[in-house]
Amino acid sequence: MRFFAATADPTALDRALAYPADGPVAALTAERIREEIDANQFRPEWIWLAEDEDGYILARALWWGRADSERPIALDCLQVRSTVADPAALATGLLDAGHATFGTRPLYNVSLPGDWRARSELAQAVAWRRESGARAGLSREIERLRYEWTPAAGLPEAGGRLTFREGSDEEFLDAFARVSSGSLDQATQDELRTKDAGQLAEEDMRFYLDCPGERSWWRLAELPDGTLAGLAVPSATPYNRNVGYLGVVPEQRGQGLIDEILAEITRFHAAEGAERITATTDTTNAPMAAAFERAGYEVAEIRMVLEAPERA
């Protein structure tokens, strides 16, 4: 078996693009891959193939990054031919080869419909992907709900109990640290087992500063007397406006203030002309999921995230 990037020879990229976009887990078409390559978000050196001794392509892995990324951020598509007897083993070899070249283990996002567990063929396809991810070092698993808001849902009410203002980096660092305490977000819980709230706040700040959204969009949420209630970090992806980060400090929770913070982010993006706003939350974070639904967001898909434990 040979594992190689699409830079290996002049025909490799064309062969990768010719791989069929089939199987029960949604895959990417050649047209979509070319669009991502043109945007510098897929690159030939991030597209990997597995071929047998006869030169027949048996598997394909596509890693994604932002246009200015030095290394890939996420595995976006992993496919193995249905004729392969042990797809998990072959996929593991392909992932290991890519990871060794990248010098990192990017997370793997598997986009799924809400009923995937009830569909046997799809459940089996997910099972070997989970197994190969774990074998290749992506052993931490988080299942997330991806929400979307469109203008047809209408704008959530502004509320009126909170005021929003710009803040300094120091104020936002403090706010990030405070809202992480007692968070129901699984990744936040995992990360706080290995670092303190201040370290996590610095990492969160760096992440959102590196996203396509603008720092000038961020707002601190305060009660009428100036007491900090939480923060609103509207953001963006390369494709859509995004909720980004939001939270309420522990001492102000249980009053429905998250609804006002989410409404602020939604109304901000809508005022800028957003036709779609995306958001995600863990399946275990029932209060946040309920807040999205009250604000008119609908579940578009379930996203299974497989990542290396050292990311925590």
Protein backbone atom coordinates (compact mmCIF):
# COMPACT_ATOMS: atom_id res chain seq x y z
CA MET A 1 0.00 0.00 0.00
CA ARG A 2 1.27 3.47 -0.89
CA PHE A 3 0.19 6.67 0.90
CA PHE A 4 1.02 9.97 -0.79
CA ALA A 5 0.02 13.62 -1.16
CA ALA A 6 -1.45 15.03 -4.37
CA THR A 7 1.93 16.69 -5.01
CA ALA A 8 3.55 13.30 -5.66
CA ASP A 9 3.30 13.48 -9.45
CA PRO A 10 1.60 15.59 -12.15
CA THR A 11 -1.45 13.31 -12.27
CA ALA A 12 -2.05 12.91 -8.53
CA LEU A 13 -4.34 15.89 -8.07
CA ASP A 14 -6.51 14.94 -11.04
CA ARG A 15 -6.76 11.42 -9.66
CA ALA A 16 -7.79 12.80 -6.28
CA LEU A 17 -10.46 14.97 -7.88
CA ALA A 18 -11.75 12.01 -9.89
CA TYR A 19 -12.43 10.01 -6.71
CA PRO A 20 -16.23 9.60 -6.48
CA ALA A 21 -18.14 11.71 -3.94
CA ASP A 22 -20.12 8.70 -2.76
CA GLY A 23 -20.86 6.75 0.41
CA PRO A 24 -23.32 7.33 3.24
CA VAL A 25 -21.21 10.08 4.87
CA ALA A 26 -21.43 13.27 2.84
CA ALA A 27 -18.37 13.80 0.63
CA LEU A 28 -17.10 16.68 -1.50
CA THR A 29 -17.46 16.91 -5.26
CA ALA A 30 -14.60 17.77 -7.57
CA GLU A 31 -16.19 21.18 -8.22
CA ARG A 32 -16.35 21.98 -4.51
CA ILE A 33 -12.76 20.83 -3.97
CA ARG A 34 -11.56 23.06 -6.80
CA GLU A 35 -13.36 26.02 -5.21
CA GLU A 36 -11.59 25.34 -1.92
CA ILE A 37 -8.24 24.99 -3.70
CA ASP A 38 -8.82 28.32 -5.45
CA ALA A 39 -9.49 29.85 -2.02
CA ASN A 40 -6.23 28.30 -0.71
CA GLN A 41 -8.23 26.39 1.91
CA PHE A 42 -7.51 23.00 0.35
CA ARG A 43 -3.98 22.52 -0.98
CA PRO A 44 -2.47 19.65 -2.96
CA GLU A 45 -0.04 18.90 -0.12
CA TRP A 46 -3.05 18.51 2.22
CA ILE A 47 -4.87 16.08 -0.10
CA TRP A 48 -3.72 12.49 0.52
CA LEU A 49 -4.41 9.23 -1.29
CA ALA A 50 -3.91 5.52 -0.70
CA GLU A 51 -3.31 3.24 -3.66
CA ASP A 52 -2.72 -0.50 -4.01
CA GLU A 53 0.15 -2.20 -5.83
CA ASP A 54 -1.71 -1.82 -9.13
CA GLY A 55 -2.02 1.95 -8.71
CA TYR A 56 -5.75 1.85 -7.93
CA ILE A 57 -6.90 4.58 -5.52
CA LEU A 58 -8.54 3.02 -2.46
CA ALA A 59 -8.90 6.00 -0.12
CA ARG A 60 -8.84 9.79 0.01
CA ALA A 61 -8.32 12.27 2.85
CA LEU A 62 -8.82 16.04 2.47
CA TRP A 63 -7.48 18.39 5.11
CA TRP A 64 -8.68 22.01 5.34
CA GLY A 65 -7.16 25.24 6.62
CA ARG A 66 -7.78 28.96 6.42
CA ALA A 67 -6.24 30.80 3.50
CA ASP A 68 -3.35 31.99 5.66
CA SER A 69 -2.84 28.74 7.61
CA GLU A 70 0.66 27.28 7.65
CA ARG A 71 -0.65 23.81 8.48
CA PRO A 72 -4.08 22.20 8.08
CA ILE A 73 -6.63 22.84 10.81
CA ALA A 74 -9.12 20.02 10.24
CA LEU A 75 -9.71 16.83 8.30
CA ASP A 76 -12.74 17.66 6.20
CA CYS A 77 -13.34 14.47 4.23
CA LEU A 78 -12.22 10.84 4.66
CA GLN A 79 -13.31 8.13 2.22
CA VAL A 80 -12.41 4.47 1.69
CA ARG A 81 -13.71 2.28 -1.14
CA SER A 82 -16.60 0.04 -0.13
CA THR A 83 -14.63 -2.95 -1.48
CA VAL A 84 -11.91 -2.58 1.19
CA ALA A 85 -12.28 -5.34 3.78
CA ASP A 86 -10.88 -3.34 6.72
CA PRO A 87 -11.59 0.36 6.07
CA ALA A 88 -10.50 1.39 9.58
CA ALA A 89 -7.01 -0.07 9.09
CA LEU A 90 -6.54 1.56 5.69
CA ALA A 91 -7.84 4.91 6.91
CA THR A 92 -5.53 4.73 9.93
CA GLY A 93 -2.53 4.29 7.67
CA LEU A 94 -3.60 7.25 5.55
CA LEU A 95 -4.13 9.48 8.59
CA ASP A 96 -0.81 8.45 10.13
CA ALA A 97 1.00 9.31 6.89
CA GLY A 98 -0.59 12.75 6.73
CA HIS A 99 -0.03 13.48 10.42
CA ALA A 100 3.64 12.51 10.19
CA THR A 101 4.16 14.95 7.32
CA PHE A 102 2.18 17.78 8.92
CA GLY A 103 3.85 17.36 12.30
CA THR A 104 0.44 17.71 13.95
CA ARG A 105 -2.87 15.87 14.31
CA PRO A 106 -5.61 18.17 13.01
CA LEU A 107 -9.08 17.47 14.35
CA TYR A 108 -11.59 15.60 12.21
CA ASN A 109 -15.09 17.02 11.66
CA VAL A 110 -17.70 14.46 10.56
CA SER A 111 -20.94 16.16 9.47
CA LEU A 112 -24.02 13.99 10.01
CA PRO A 113 -27.82 14.19 9.86
CA GLY A 114 -29.69 14.13 13.13
CA ASP A 115 -30.93 10.55 12.67
CA TRP A 116 -27.57 8.99 11.78
CA ARG A 117 -27.67 6.41 14.58
CA ALA A 118 -30.93 4.98 13.24
CA ARG A 119 -29.50 4.42 9.74
CA SER A 120 -27.44 1.23 9.82
CA GLU A 121 -25.28 1.90 6.75
CA LEU A 122 -24.46 5.39 7.98
CA ALA A 123 -23.80 4.18 11.54
CA GLN A 124 -21.33 1.60 10.18
CA ALA A 125 -19.57 4.26 8.11
CA VAL A 126 -19.26 6.44 11.21
CA ALA A 127 -17.97 3.50 13.27
CA TRP A 128 -14.91 2.83 11.12
CA ARG A 129 -14.14 6.54 10.94
CA ARG A 130 -14.24 6.77 14.74
CA GLU A 131 -12.03 3.69 15.02
CA SER A 132 -9.46 4.97 12.54
CA GLY A 133 -9.45 8.38 14.20
CA ALA A 134 -8.80 6.82 17.61
CA ARG A 135 -6.01 4.60 16.22
CA ALA A 136 -4.40 7.67 14.63
CA GLY A 137 -4.46 9.60 17.91
CA LEU A 138 -7.80 11.42 17.58
CA SER A 139 -9.24 9.70 20.62
CA ARG A 140 -11.21 12.54 22.19
CA GLU A 141 -14.77 12.74 20.85
CA ILE A 142 -17.26 15.60 21.09
CA GLU A 143 -20.66 15.63 19.43
CA ARG A 144 -21.97 19.06 18.55
CA LEU A 145 -25.18 20.54 17.17
CA ARG A 146 -24.67 22.98 14.31
CA TYR A 147 -27.38 25.62 14.21
CA GLU A 148 -28.35 28.15 11.55
CA TRP A 149 -30.36 31.35 11.70
CA THR A 150 -31.85 32.96 8.58
CA PRO A 151 -33.94 36.13 8.25
CA ALA A 152 -37.07 33.99 7.82
CA ALA A 153 -36.84 33.16 11.54
CA GLY A 154 -37.26 36.81 12.50
CA LEU A 155 -35.12 38.76 14.95
CA PRO A 156 -35.09 37.80 18.63
CA GLU A 157 -36.18 40.54 20.98
CA ALA A 158 -33.45 42.79 22.34
CA GLY A 159 -34.54 42.31 25.96
CA GLY A 160 -33.45 45.49 27.70
CA ARG A 161 -31.94 44.19 30.94
CA LEU A 162 -28.37 44.45 29.66
CA THR A 163 -26.23 47.12 28.07
CA PHE A 164 -23.39 46.31 25.69
CA ARG A 165 -20.13 48.18 25.26
CA GLU A 166 -16.70 47.76 23.76
CA GLY A 167 -13.95 46.66 26.12
CA SER A 168 -10.19 46.46 26.39
CA ASP A 169 -8.26 43.25 25.83
CA GLU A 170 -7.67 43.04 29.59
CA GLU A 171 -11.40 43.28 30.26
CA PHE A 172 -12.15 40.58 27.73
CA LEU A 173 -9.45 38.31 29.15
CA ASP A 174 -11.11 38.64 32.54
CA ALA A 175 -14.55 37.98 31.04
CA PHE A 176 -13.38 34.90 29.14
CA ALA A 177 -11.83 33.52 32.33
CA ARG A 178 -14.90 34.17 34.44
CA VAL A 179 -17.48 32.65 32.07
CA SER A 180 -15.41 29.46 31.71
CA SER A 181 -16.10 28.59 35.37
CA GLY A 182 -18.86 25.99 35.53
CA SER A 183 -19.25 25.92 31.74
CA LEU A 184 -21.26 23.03 30.28
CA ASP A 185 -19.11 23.09 27.13
CA GLN A 186 -17.25 19.78 27.01
CA ALA A 187 -14.08 21.17 25.42
CA THR A 188 -13.90 23.90 28.07
CA GLN A 189 -14.32 21.34 30.83
CA ASP A 190 -11.59 19.15 29.35
CA GLU A 191 -9.18 22.03 28.90
CA LEU A 192 -9.65 23.27 32.46
CA ARG A 193 -8.37 19.90 33.70
CA THR A 194 -4.92 20.72 32.34
CA LYS A 195 -4.70 24.54 32.53
CA ASP A 196 -6.07 27.38 34.59
CA ALA A 197 -8.83 29.78 33.55
CA GLY A 198 -6.34 32.53 32.71
CA GLN A 199 -4.41 30.32 30.27
CA LEU A 200 -7.63 29.17 28.64
CA ALA A 201 -8.82 32.78 28.33
CA GLU A 202 -5.62 33.72 26.51
CA GLU A 203 -6.08 30.81 24.09
CA ASP A 204 -9.72 31.71 23.46
CA MET A 205 -8.75 35.31 22.78
CA ARG A 206 -6.07 34.27 20.31
CA PHE A 207 -8.45 31.89 18.54
CA TYR A 208 -11.18 34.49 17.99
CA LEU A 209 -8.70 37.19 17.03
CA ASP A 210 -7.46 34.80 14.35
CA CYS A 211 -10.98 34.17 12.97
CA PRO A 212 -12.28 36.19 9.99
CA GLY A 213 -14.50 38.33 12.27
CA GLU A 214 -13.43 41.77 13.51
CA ARG A 215 -12.22 42.57 17.03
CA SER A 216 -14.36 45.72 16.92
CA TRP A 217 -17.50 43.54 16.93
CA TRP A 218 -16.91 42.23 20.47
CA ARG A 219 -19.03 43.49 23.35
CA LEU A 220 -19.11 43.18 27.13
CA ALA A 221 -22.59 42.67 28.59
CA GLU A 222 -23.37 44.62 31.75
CA LEU A 223 -26.22 45.14 34.16
CA PRO A 224 -27.54 48.72 34.56
CA ASP A 225 -25.17 49.36 37.48
CA GLY A 226 -22.12 48.38 35.41
CA THR A 227 -21.74 44.88 36.86
CA LEU A 228 -20.31 42.43 34.33
CA ALA A 229 -22.95 39.92 33.21
CA GLY A 230 -21.12 38.23 30.34
CA LEU A 231 -19.68 38.74 26.90
CA ALA A 232 -20.74 38.60 23.26
CA VAL A 233 -18.16 37.75 20.60
CA PRO A 234 -19.77 37.84 17.14
CA SER A 235 -17.43 36.14 14.69
CA ALA A 236 -17.28 34.69 11.18
CA THR A 237 -16.07 31.67 9.24
CA PRO A 238 -14.75 31.79 5.68
CA TYR A 239 -18.35 31.05 4.61
CA ASN A 240 -20.83 32.72 6.98
CA ARG A 241 -21.30 35.05 9.91
CA ASN A 242 -21.02 33.06 13.11
CA VAL A 243 -22.18 33.41 16.71
CA GLY A 244 -18.63 32.84 17.92
CA TYR A 245 -18.43 32.95 21.71
CA LEU A 246 -20.93 34.01 24.33
CA GLY A 247 -21.40 33.40 28.01
CA VAL A 248 -22.75 34.60 31.35
CA VAL A 249 -20.61 34.89 34.48
CA PRO A 250 -21.53 32.28 37.13
CA GLU A 251 -23.13 34.68 39.61
CA GLN A 252 -25.60 35.96 36.97
CA ARG A 253 -26.72 32.62 35.56
CA GLY A 254 -30.26 31.30 35.80
CA GLN A 255 -31.92 34.60 34.87
CA GLY A 256 -32.23 34.10 31.12
CA LEU A 257 -29.51 36.64 30.35
CA ILE A 258 -28.00 34.30 27.75
CA ASP A 259 -31.05 35.04 25.59
CA GLU A 260 -30.23 38.74 25.55
CA ILE A 261 -26.57 38.12 24.73
CA LEU A 262 -27.46 35.77 21.88
CA ALA A 263 -30.05 38.29 20.65
CA GLU A 264 -27.35 40.99 20.62
CA ILE A 265 -25.08 38.86 18.44
CA THR A 266 -27.92 37.84 16.12
CA ARG A 267 -29.20 41.38 15.72
CA PHE A 268 -25.67 42.68 15.10
CA HIS A 269 -25.02 40.23 12.27
CA ALA A 270 -28.50 40.77 10.81
CA ALA A 271 -27.94 44.54 10.77
CA GLU A 272 -24.78 43.89 8.75
CA GLY A 273 -26.87 42.05 6.15
CA ALA A 274 -26.13 38.45 7.14
CA GLU A 275 -28.36 35.98 5.30
CA ARG A 276 -27.17 33.06 7.43
CA ILE A 277 -25.66 32.90 10.91
CA THR A 278 -24.12 29.65 12.09
CA ALA A 279 -23.50 28.43 15.62
CA THR A 280 -22.54 25.25 17.44
CA THR A 281 -22.94 23.81 20.90
CA ASP A 282 -22.32 20.42 22.48
CA THR A 283 -25.23 17.98 22.52
CA THR A 284 -24.76 17.82 26.31
CA ASN A 285 -25.23 21.59 26.73
CA ALA A 286 -29.03 21.55 26.88
CA PRO A 287 -29.44 25.16 28.20
CA MET A 288 -27.44 26.61 25.30
CA ALA A 289 -29.30 24.46 22.77
CA ALA A 290 -32.60 25.69 24.20
CA ALA A 291 -31.42 29.30 23.93
CA PHE A 292 -30.59 28.85 20.25
CA GLU A 293 -34.00 27.38 19.59
CA ARG A 294 -35.76 30.24 21.42
CA ALA A 295 -33.82 32.68 19.23
CA GLY A 296 -35.03 31.05 16.02
CA TYR A 297 -31.96 28.94 15.24
CA GLU A 298 -32.57 25.51 13.71
CA VAL A 299 -30.35 22.42 13.80
CA ALA A 300 -28.74 21.98 10.38
CA GLU A 301 -26.58 18.97 11.23
CA ILE A 302 -24.75 17.09 13.94
CA ARG A 303 -20.99 17.48 13.88
CA MET A 304 -18.86 14.75 15.43
CA VAL A 305 -15.46 16.16 16.35
CA LEU A 306 -12.56 13.76 16.81
CA GLU A 307 -9.37 15.31 18.14
CA ALA A 308 -6.13 14.52 19.91
CA PRO A 309 -6.26 14.65 23.73
CA GLU A 310 -3.25 16.97 23.80
CA ARG A 311 -5.45 19.71 22.31
CA ALA A 312 -7.18 19.83 25.70
